[in-house]
């Protein structure tokens, strides 16, 4: 983009010449504008702000999954096949396409006006109770602003790790919460509805969710085929559909 175009002068003022002294106090409007022009030339065209390393940790409880837990030590019977992954990837992509088409339809606007849901996203207890006792219907999720969906995704990650310190202590702090089926359902539904591209910290939350699922899968036995299905589904969707391929089980896909 041509910066001269977006910074084009609105008033015709002669630029400061070589005798211009920037240290003098402007006495006229013209001198003031000349000083502004002088200082503008010293500013870079693009300024990049370095993100604070504290923001991610303050924005969520994420970042507490140790790197060692990412290592896949699950029984080979619990690892999904390439065919299973390919089918899940296709189904999820088709679901997102359907939701995107619905979001752009007139029916969506009509249903949005009829959908009444009152949730306080600063009240984790209320959100936990609502999600644990209600299905993640698309019409509900599409009525929630994107930022609130991101907040809910962070909460779901924390709940996935275990509700309360006592439950985490019993599971050694690595296993997924005992009754996590509703949590994985909500995470999957939010991933289907969330608008991309995502903020970098949201990708970080998704990575933490996948790491938690990998760590939980490592604790299962070959007989836990039913328990591993929602874990494999989230690992597959996050790694493939949200481009976190280093966490994938079958990176060749």
C-alpha atoms as a PDB file:
ATOM      1  CA  UNK A   1       0.000   0.000   0.000  1.00  0.00           C
ATOM      2  CA  UNK A   2       1.298   3.493  -0.882  1.00  0.00           C
ATOM      3  CA  UNK A   3       1.673   5.308   2.452  1.00  0.00           C
ATOM      4  CA  UNK A   4       1.785   8.685   0.655  1.00  0.00           C
ATOM      5  CA  UNK A   5      -1.813   8.103  -0.466  1.00  0.00           C
ATOM      6  CA  UNK A   6      -3.271   7.342   2.963  1.00  0.00           C
ATOM      7  CA  UNK A   7      -1.217  10.145   4.551  1.00  0.00           C
ATOM      8  CA  UNK A   8      -1.978  12.755   1.886  1.00  0.00           C
ATOM      9  CA  UNK A   9      -2.052  16.314   3.213  1.00  0.00           C
ATOM     10  CA  UNK A  10      -5.492  17.800   3.735  1.00  0.00           C
ATOM     11  CA  UNK A  11      -4.173  21.382   3.732  1.00  0.00           C
ATOM     12  CA  UNK A  12      -1.760  22.978   1.290  1.00  0.00           C
ATOM     13  CA  UNK A  13       1.199  23.879   3.515  1.00  0.00           C
ATOM     14  CA  UNK A  14       4.774  24.265   2.330  1.00  0.00           C
ATOM     15  CA  UNK A  15       7.007  21.545   3.781  1.00  0.00           C
ATOM     16  CA  UNK A  16       9.729  22.601   6.234  1.00  0.00           C
ATOM     17  CA  UNK A  17      12.932  23.720   4.522  1.00  0.00           C
ATOM     18  CA  UNK A  18      16.527  23.191   5.613  1.00  0.00           C
ATOM     19  CA  UNK A  19      16.360  26.224   7.921  1.00  0.00           C
ATOM     20  CA  UNK A  20      13.434  24.780   9.879  1.00  0.00           C
ATOM     21  CA  UNK A  21      14.187  24.514  13.615  1.00  0.00           C
ATOM     22  CA  UNK A  22      12.052  21.752  15.242  1.00  0.00           C
ATOM     23  CA  UNK A  23      13.002  22.929  18.731  1.00  0.00           C
ATOM     24  CA  UNK A  24      11.229  26.282  18.380  1.00  0.00           C
ATOM     25  CA  UNK A  25       7.672  26.615  19.720  1.00  0.00           C
ATOM     26  CA  UNK A  26       5.187  27.054  16.814  1.00  0.00           C
ATOM     27  CA  UNK A  27       3.615  30.518  16.759  1.00  0.00           C
ATOM     28  CA  UNK A  28       1.240  30.052  13.811  1.00  0.00           C
ATOM     29  CA  UNK A  29      -0.946  27.311  12.454  1.00  0.00           C
ATOM     30  CA  UNK A  30       1.376  26.951   9.470  1.00  0.00           C
ATOM     31  CA  UNK A  31       4.433  26.496  11.720  1.00  0.00           C
ATOM     32  CA  UNK A  32       2.550  23.897  13.766  1.00  0.00           C
ATOM     33  CA  UNK A  33       1.675  21.897  10.644  1.00  0.00           C
ATOM     34  CA  UNK A  34       5.261  22.139   9.435  1.00  0.00           C
ATOM     35  CA  UNK A  35       6.428  20.687  12.737  1.00  0.00           C
ATOM     36  CA  UNK A  36       3.923  17.844  12.370  1.00  0.00           C
ATOM     37  CA  UNK A  37       5.229  17.201   8.848  1.00  0.00           C
ATOM     38  CA  UNK A  38       8.814  17.195  10.130  1.00  0.00           C
ATOM     39  CA  UNK A  39       8.046  14.693  12.901  1.00  0.00           C
ATOM     40  CA  UNK A  40       6.018  12.491  10.554  1.00  0.00           C
ATOM     41  CA  UNK A  41       9.047  12.001   8.319  1.00  0.00           C
ATOM     42  CA  UNK A  42      10.924  10.537  11.268  1.00  0.00           C
ATOM     43  CA  UNK A  43       8.206   7.949  11.972  1.00  0.00           C
ATOM     44  CA  UNK A  44       8.406   4.497  10.333  1.00  0.00           C
ATOM     45  CA  UNK A  45       5.680   3.604   7.828  1.00  0.00           C
ATOM     46  CA  UNK A  46       4.743   0.506   9.813  1.00  0.00           C
ATOM     47  CA  UNK A  47       4.979   0.059  13.563  1.00  0.00           C
ATOM     48  CA  UNK A  48       4.904  -3.477  14.978  1.00  0.00           C
ATOM     49  CA  UNK A  49       3.925  -3.990  18.598  1.00  0.00           C
ATOM     50  CA  UNK A  50       5.483  -7.001  20.260  1.00  0.00           C
ATOM     51  CA  UNK A  51       2.763  -9.075  21.964  1.00  0.00           C
ATOM     52  CA  UNK A  52       3.104  -9.450  25.701  1.00  0.00           C
ATOM     53  CA  UNK A  53       4.168 -12.912  26.817  1.00  0.00           C
ATOM     54  CA  UNK A  54       1.836 -12.524  29.789  1.00  0.00           C
ATOM     55  CA  UNK A  55      -1.312 -12.066  27.697  1.00  0.00           C
ATOM     56  CA  UNK A  56      -1.812 -15.729  26.908  1.00  0.00           C
ATOM     57  CA  UNK A  57      -1.432 -16.827  30.498  1.00  0.00           C
ATOM     58  CA  UNK A  58      -3.705 -14.045  31.723  1.00  0.00           C
ATOM     59  CA  UNK A  59      -6.296 -14.625  29.000  1.00  0.00           C
ATOM     60  CA  UNK A  60      -6.765 -18.248  29.921  1.00  0.00           C
ATOM     61  CA  UNK A  61      -5.581 -21.055  32.110  1.00  0.00           C
ATOM     62  CA  UNK A  62      -3.824 -22.483  29.077  1.00  0.00           C
ATOM     63  CA  UNK A  63      -0.159 -23.177  28.725  1.00  0.00           C
ATOM     64  CA  UNK A  64      -0.047 -25.587  31.667  1.00  0.00           C
ATOM     65  CA  UNK A  65       0.201 -28.807  29.650  1.00  0.00           C
ATOM     66  CA  UNK A  66       3.842 -29.948  29.963  1.00  0.00           C
ATOM     67  CA  UNK A  67       5.680 -30.605  26.731  1.00  0.00           C
ATOM     68  CA  UNK A  68       6.522 -34.153  27.792  1.00  0.00           C
ATOM     69  CA  UNK A  69       2.825 -35.068  27.866  1.00  0.00           C
ATOM     70  CA  UNK A  70       2.582 -34.438  24.110  1.00  0.00           C
ATOM     71  CA  UNK A  71       4.601 -37.550  23.369  1.00  0.00           C
ATOM     72  CA  UNK A  72       2.283 -40.204  22.014  1.00  0.00           C
ATOM     73  CA  UNK A  73       2.616 -43.313  24.198  1.00  0.00           C
ATOM     74  CA  UNK A  74      -0.877 -44.673  23.562  1.00  0.00           C
ATOM     75  CA  UNK A  75      -1.510 -48.313  22.727  1.00  0.00           C
ATOM     76  CA  UNK A  76      -1.464 -48.836  18.962  1.00  0.00           C
ATOM     77  CA  UNK A  77      -5.061 -50.095  19.125  1.00  0.00           C
ATOM     78  CA  UNK A  78      -6.136 -46.605  20.246  1.00  0.00           C
ATOM     79  CA  UNK A  79      -4.512 -44.717  17.366  1.00  0.00           C
ATOM     80  CA  UNK A  80      -6.981 -43.947  14.545  1.00  0.00           C
ATOM     81  CA  UNK A  81      -6.394 -45.175  11.017  1.00  0.00           C
ATOM     82  CA  UNK A  82      -5.752 -42.835   8.105  1.00  0.00           C
ATOM     83  CA  UNK A  83      -9.112 -43.837   6.611  1.00  0.00           C
ATOM     84  CA  UNK A  84     -10.978 -42.932   9.818  1.00  0.00           C
ATOM     85  CA  UNK A  85      -9.201 -39.581  10.013  1.00  0.00           C
ATOM     86  CA  UNK A  86      -9.913 -38.776   6.368  1.00  0.00           C
ATOM     87  CA  UNK A  87     -13.620 -39.454   6.907  1.00  0.00           C
ATOM     88  CA  UNK A  88     -13.760 -37.215  10.010  1.00  0.00           C
ATOM     89  CA  UNK A  89     -11.891 -34.411   8.254  1.00  0.00           C
ATOM     90  CA  UNK A  90     -14.332 -34.504   5.341  1.00  0.00           C
ATOM     91  CA  UNK A  91     -17.401 -34.614   7.590  1.00  0.00           C
ATOM     92  CA  UNK A  92     -16.160 -31.671   9.643  1.00  0.00           C
ATOM     93  CA  UNK A  93     -15.317 -29.603   6.560  1.00  0.00           C
ATOM     94  CA  UNK A  94     -18.792 -30.272   5.141  1.00  0.00           C
ATOM     95  CA  UNK A  95     -20.368 -29.276   8.456  1.00  0.00           C
ATOM     96  CA  UNK A  96     -18.476 -25.973   8.505  1.00  0.00           C
ATOM     97  CA  UNK A  97     -19.500 -25.274   4.900  1.00  0.00           C
ATOM     98  CA  UNK A  98     -23.155 -25.928   5.795  1.00  0.00           C
ATOM     99  CA  UNK A  99     -22.968 -23.624   8.819  1.00  0.00           C
ATOM    100  CA  UNK A 100     -21.249 -20.897   6.791  1.00  0.00           C
ATOM    101  CA  UNK A 101     -23.989 -21.089   4.170  1.00  0.00           C
ATOM    102  CA  UNK A 102     -26.663 -20.928   6.862  1.00  0.00           C
ATOM    103  CA  UNK A 103     -24.962 -17.947   8.509  1.00  0.00           C
ATOM    104  CA  UNK A 104     -25.206 -16.042   5.224  1.00  0.00           C
ATOM    105  CA  UNK A 105     -28.903 -16.847   4.709  1.00  0.00           C
ATOM    106  CA  UNK A 106     -31.990 -14.795   5.526  1.00  0.00           C
ATOM    107  CA  UNK A 107     -33.271 -17.635   7.707  1.00  0.00           C
ATOM    108  CA  UNK A 108     -30.263 -17.191   9.982  1.00  0.00           C
ATOM    109  CA  UNK A 109     -31.163 -13.558  10.638  1.00  0.00           C
ATOM    110  CA  UNK A 110     -34.763 -14.538  11.408  1.00  0.00           C
ATOM    111  CA  UNK A 111     -33.755 -17.312  13.804  1.00  0.00           C
ATOM    112  CA  UNK A 112     -31.185 -15.053  15.436  1.00  0.00           C
ATOM    113  CA  UNK A 113     -33.934 -12.652  16.469  1.00  0.00           C
ATOM    114  CA  UNK A 114     -36.006 -15.496  17.918  1.00  0.00           C
ATOM    115  CA  UNK A 115     -33.142 -17.084  19.847  1.00  0.00           C
ATOM    116  CA  UNK A 116     -33.125 -15.756  23.402  1.00  0.00           C
ATOM    117  CA  UNK A 117     -30.330 -16.951  25.661  1.00  0.00           C
ATOM    118  CA  UNK A 118     -28.909 -15.025  28.596  1.00  0.00           C
ATOM    119  CA  UNK A 119     -25.470 -16.153  29.689  1.00  0.00           C
ATOM    120  CA  UNK A 120     -22.895 -14.221  31.683  1.00  0.00           C
ATOM    121  CA  UNK A 121     -19.494 -15.130  30.297  1.00  0.00           C
ATOM    122  CA  UNK A 122     -17.805 -13.803  33.407  1.00  0.00           C
ATOM    123  CA  UNK A 123     -19.710 -16.350  35.514  1.00  0.00           C
ATOM    124  CA  UNK A 124     -17.915 -19.661  35.019  1.00  0.00           C
ATOM    125  CA  UNK A 125     -20.224 -21.523  37.374  1.00  0.00           C
ATOM    126  CA  UNK A 126     -23.314 -20.535  35.391  1.00  0.00           C
ATOM    127  CA  UNK A 127     -21.641 -21.432  32.093  1.00  0.00           C
ATOM    128  CA  UNK A 128     -20.491 -24.780  33.466  1.00  0.00           C
ATOM    129  CA  UNK A 129     -23.990 -25.623  34.663  1.00  0.00           C
ATOM    130  CA  UNK A 130     -25.579 -24.569  31.379  1.00  0.00           C
ATOM    131  CA  UNK A 131     -23.153 -26.478  29.140  1.00  0.00           C
ATOM    132  CA  UNK A 132     -23.247 -29.604  31.299  1.00  0.00           C
ATOM    133  CA  UNK A 133     -27.034 -29.756  31.085  1.00  0.00           C
ATOM    134  CA  UNK A 134     -27.705 -28.586  27.523  1.00  0.00           C
ATOM    135  CA  UNK A 135     -26.779 -29.757  24.060  1.00  0.00           C
ATOM    136  CA  UNK A 136     -24.579 -27.435  21.947  1.00  0.00           C
ATOM    137  CA  UNK A 137     -27.218 -26.632  19.342  1.00  0.00           C
ATOM    138  CA  UNK A 138     -25.938 -24.700  16.339  1.00  0.00           C
ATOM    139  CA  UNK A 139     -28.692 -22.073  16.645  1.00  0.00           C
ATOM    140  CA  UNK A 140     -27.478 -21.329  20.178  1.00  0.00           C
ATOM    141  CA  UNK A 141     -23.794 -21.137  19.274  1.00  0.00           C
ATOM    142  CA  UNK A 142     -24.461 -18.906  16.270  1.00  0.00           C
ATOM    143  CA  UNK A 143     -26.259 -16.442  18.535  1.00  0.00           C
ATOM    144  CA  UNK A 144     -23.114 -16.059  20.680  1.00  0.00           C
ATOM    145  CA  UNK A 145     -20.544 -13.433  19.584  1.00  0.00           C
ATOM    146  CA  UNK A 146     -17.181 -14.729  18.385  1.00  0.00           C
ATOM    147  CA  UNK A 147     -15.235 -13.352  21.363  1.00  0.00           C
ATOM    148  CA  UNK A 148     -17.579 -15.098  23.794  1.00  0.00           C
ATOM    149  CA  UNK A 149     -17.163 -18.358  21.898  1.00  0.00           C
ATOM    150  CA  UNK A 150     -13.407 -17.966  22.325  1.00  0.00           C
ATOM    151  CA  UNK A 151     -13.863 -17.370  26.064  1.00  0.00           C
ATOM    152  CA  UNK A 152     -16.088 -20.433  26.333  1.00  0.00           C
ATOM    153  CA  UNK A 153     -13.493 -22.479  24.465  1.00  0.00           C
ATOM    154  CA  UNK A 154     -10.897 -21.510  27.062  1.00  0.00           C
ATOM    155  CA  UNK A 155     -13.238 -22.505  29.895  1.00  0.00           C
ATOM    156  CA  UNK A 156     -13.971 -25.825  28.220  1.00  0.00           C
ATOM    157  CA  UNK A 157     -10.255 -26.523  28.031  1.00  0.00           C
ATOM    158  CA  UNK A 158      -9.948 -25.946  31.774  1.00  0.00           C
ATOM    159  CA  UNK A 159     -12.958 -28.171  32.475  1.00  0.00           C
ATOM    160  CA  UNK A 160     -11.538 -30.831  30.163  1.00  0.00           C
ATOM    161  CA  UNK A 161      -8.489 -31.061  32.385  1.00  0.00           C
ATOM    162  CA  UNK A 162     -10.652 -31.651  35.443  1.00  0.00           C
ATOM    163  CA  UNK A 163     -13.244 -29.784  37.514  1.00  0.00           C
ATOM    164  CA  UNK A 164     -11.562 -28.718  40.695  1.00  0.00           C
ATOM    165  CA  UNK A 165      -8.202 -29.405  42.289  1.00  0.00           C
ATOM    166  CA  UNK A 166      -9.358 -32.586  44.034  1.00  0.00           C
ATOM    167  CA  UNK A 167     -10.310 -34.239  40.751  1.00  0.00           C
ATOM    168  CA  UNK A 168      -6.986 -33.242  39.243  1.00  0.00           C
ATOM    169  CA  UNK A 169      -5.116 -34.699  42.205  1.00  0.00           C
ATOM    170  CA  UNK A 170      -6.982 -38.003  41.905  1.00  0.00           C
ATOM    171  CA  UNK A 171      -6.118 -38.266  38.232  1.00  0.00           C
ATOM    172  CA  UNK A 172      -2.541 -37.130  38.691  1.00  0.00           C
ATOM    173  CA  UNK A 173      -3.272 -33.836  36.921  1.00  0.00           C
ATOM    174  CA  UNK A 174      -3.050 -35.381  33.444  1.00  0.00           C
ATOM    175  CA  UNK A 175      -6.248 -37.251  32.718  1.00  0.00           C
ATOM    176  CA  UNK A 176      -9.351 -35.685  31.311  1.00  0.00           C
ATOM    177  CA  UNK A 177     -12.283 -35.012  33.645  1.00  0.00           C
ATOM    178  CA  UNK A 178     -14.231 -38.167  34.497  1.00  0.00           C
ATOM    179  CA  UNK A 179     -17.478 -37.085  32.784  1.00  0.00           C
ATOM    180  CA  UNK A 180     -16.040 -35.204  29.808  1.00  0.00           C
ATOM    181  CA  UNK A 181     -18.369 -36.337  27.030  1.00  0.00           C
ATOM    182  CA  UNK A 182     -20.397 -33.131  27.163  1.00  0.00           C
ATOM    183  CA  UNK A 183     -17.180 -31.084  27.163  1.00  0.00           C
ATOM    184  CA  UNK A 184     -15.852 -32.700  23.983  1.00  0.00           C
ATOM    185  CA  UNK A 185     -19.254 -32.251  22.337  1.00  0.00           C
ATOM    186  CA  UNK A 186     -19.231 -28.526  23.098  1.00  0.00           C
ATOM    187  CA  UNK A 187     -15.643 -28.127  21.895  1.00  0.00           C
ATOM    188  CA  UNK A 188     -16.449 -29.896  18.616  1.00  0.00           C
ATOM    189  CA  UNK A 189     -19.563 -27.756  18.096  1.00  0.00           C
ATOM    190  CA  UNK A 190     -17.683 -24.507  18.771  1.00  0.00           C
ATOM    191  CA  UNK A 191     -14.954 -25.506  16.325  1.00  0.00           C
ATOM    192  CA  UNK A 192     -17.656 -26.065  13.713  1.00  0.00           C
ATOM    193  CA  UNK A 193     -19.152 -22.606  14.288  1.00  0.00           C
ATOM    194  CA  UNK A 194     -16.165 -20.395  15.071  1.00  0.00           C
ATOM    195  CA  UNK A 195     -15.165 -17.911  12.373  1.00  0.00           C
ATOM    196  CA  UNK A 196     -11.688 -18.171  10.880  1.00  0.00           C
ATOM    197  CA  UNK A 197      -8.994 -16.893  10.694  1.00  0.00           C
ATOM    198  CA  UNK A 198      -8.437 -17.152  14.432  1.00  0.00           C
ATOM    199  CA  UNK A 199      -6.371 -15.014  16.770  1.00  0.00           C
ATOM    200  CA  UNK A 200      -2.973 -16.586  17.586  1.00  0.00           C
ATOM    201  CA  UNK A 201      -3.885 -17.161  21.234  1.00  0.00           C
ATOM    202  CA  UNK A 202      -6.987 -19.132  20.155  1.00  0.00           C
ATOM    203  CA  UNK A 203      -4.727 -21.445  18.157  1.00  0.00           C
ATOM    204  CA  UNK A 204      -2.700 -21.821  21.352  1.00  0.00           C
ATOM    205  CA  UNK A 205      -5.848 -22.851  23.245  1.00  0.00           C
ATOM    206  CA  UNK A 206      -6.621 -25.401  20.522  1.00  0.00           C
ATOM    207  CA  UNK A 207      -3.122 -26.816  20.815  1.00  0.00           C
ATOM    208  CA  UNK A 208      -3.547 -27.137  24.585  1.00  0.00           C
ATOM    209  CA  UNK A 209      -6.821 -29.003  24.059  1.00  0.00           C
ATOM    210  CA  UNK A 210      -5.159 -31.421  21.624  1.00  0.00           C
ATOM    211  CA  UNK A 211      -2.204 -31.927  23.998  1.00  0.00           C
ATOM    212  CA  UNK A 212      -4.599 -32.670  26.860  1.00  0.00           C
ATOM    213  CA  UNK A 213      -6.394 -35.242  24.706  1.00  0.00           C
ATOM    214  CA  UNK A 214      -3.077 -36.869  23.773  1.00  0.00           C
ATOM    215  CA  UNK A 215      -2.026 -36.992  27.429  1.00  0.00           C
ATOM    216  CA  UNK A 216      -5.387 -38.487  28.423  1.00  0.00           C
ATOM    217  CA  UNK A 217      -5.185 -41.071  25.655  1.00  0.00           C
ATOM    218  CA  UNK A 218      -1.777 -42.157  26.940  1.00  0.00           C
ATOM    219  CA  UNK A 219      -3.472 -43.207  30.196  1.00  0.00           C
ATOM    220  CA  UNK A 220      -6.018 -45.483  28.484  1.00  0.00           C
ATOM    221  CA  UNK A 221      -5.720 -49.193  27.805  1.00  0.00           C
ATOM    222  CA  UNK A 222      -6.440 -51.161  24.646  1.00  0.00           C
ATOM    223  CA  UNK A 223      -9.922 -51.976  26.002  1.00  0.00           C
ATOM    224  CA  UNK A 224     -10.905 -48.282  26.177  1.00  0.00           C
ATOM    225  CA  UNK A 225     -11.955 -48.025  22.533  1.00  0.00           C
ATOM    226  CA  UNK A 226     -15.159 -46.106  23.307  1.00  0.00           C
ATOM    227  CA  UNK A 227     -13.456 -43.664  25.655  1.00  0.00           C
ATOM    228  CA  UNK A 228     -10.791 -42.805  23.087  1.00  0.00           C
ATOM    229  CA  UNK A 229     -13.182 -41.852  20.272  1.00  0.00           C
ATOM    230  CA  UNK A 230     -13.924 -38.237  21.370  1.00  0.00           C
ATOM    231  CA  UNK A 231     -10.238 -37.713  22.174  1.00  0.00           C
ATOM    232  CA  UNK A 232      -9.159 -38.944  18.748  1.00  0.00           C
ATOM    233  CA  UNK A 233     -11.820 -36.799  17.099  1.00  0.00           C
ATOM    234  CA  UNK A 234     -10.569 -33.567  18.709  1.00  0.00           C
ATOM    235  CA  UNK A 235      -6.923 -34.441  18.025  1.00  0.00           C
ATOM    236  CA  UNK A 236      -7.810 -35.126  14.385  1.00  0.00           C
ATOM    237  CA  UNK A 237      -9.894 -31.978  13.836  1.00  0.00           C
ATOM    238  CA  UNK A 238      -7.484 -29.611  15.571  1.00  0.00           C
ATOM    239  CA  UNK A 239      -4.369 -31.030  13.920  1.00  0.00           C
ATOM    240  CA  UNK A 240      -5.777 -31.313  10.391  1.00  0.00           C
ATOM    241  CA  UNK A 241      -8.599 -28.792   9.991  1.00  0.00           C
ATOM    242  CA  UNK A 242      -6.873 -26.113  12.088  1.00  0.00           C
ATOM    243  CA  UNK A 243      -3.384 -26.813  10.746  1.00  0.00           C
ATOM    244  CA  UNK A 244      -1.569 -28.032  13.865  1.00  0.00           C
ATOM    245  CA  UNK A 245       0.060 -30.858  11.958  1.00  0.00           C
ATOM    246  CA  UNK A 246       2.840 -31.504  14.462  1.00  0.00           C
ATOM    247  CA  UNK A 247       0.146 -32.889  16.792  1.00  0.00           C
ATOM    248  CA  UNK A 248      -1.314 -35.201  14.162  1.00  0.00           C
ATOM    249  CA  UNK A 249      -1.393 -38.999  14.457  1.00  0.00           C
ATOM    250  CA  UNK A 250      -1.062 -39.497  10.697  1.00  0.00           C
ATOM    251  CA  UNK A 251       0.881 -36.541   9.351  1.00  0.00           C
ATOM    252  CA  UNK A 252       0.859 -37.912   5.807  1.00  0.00           C
ATOM    253  CA  UNK A 253      -2.813 -36.937   5.374  1.00  0.00           C
END
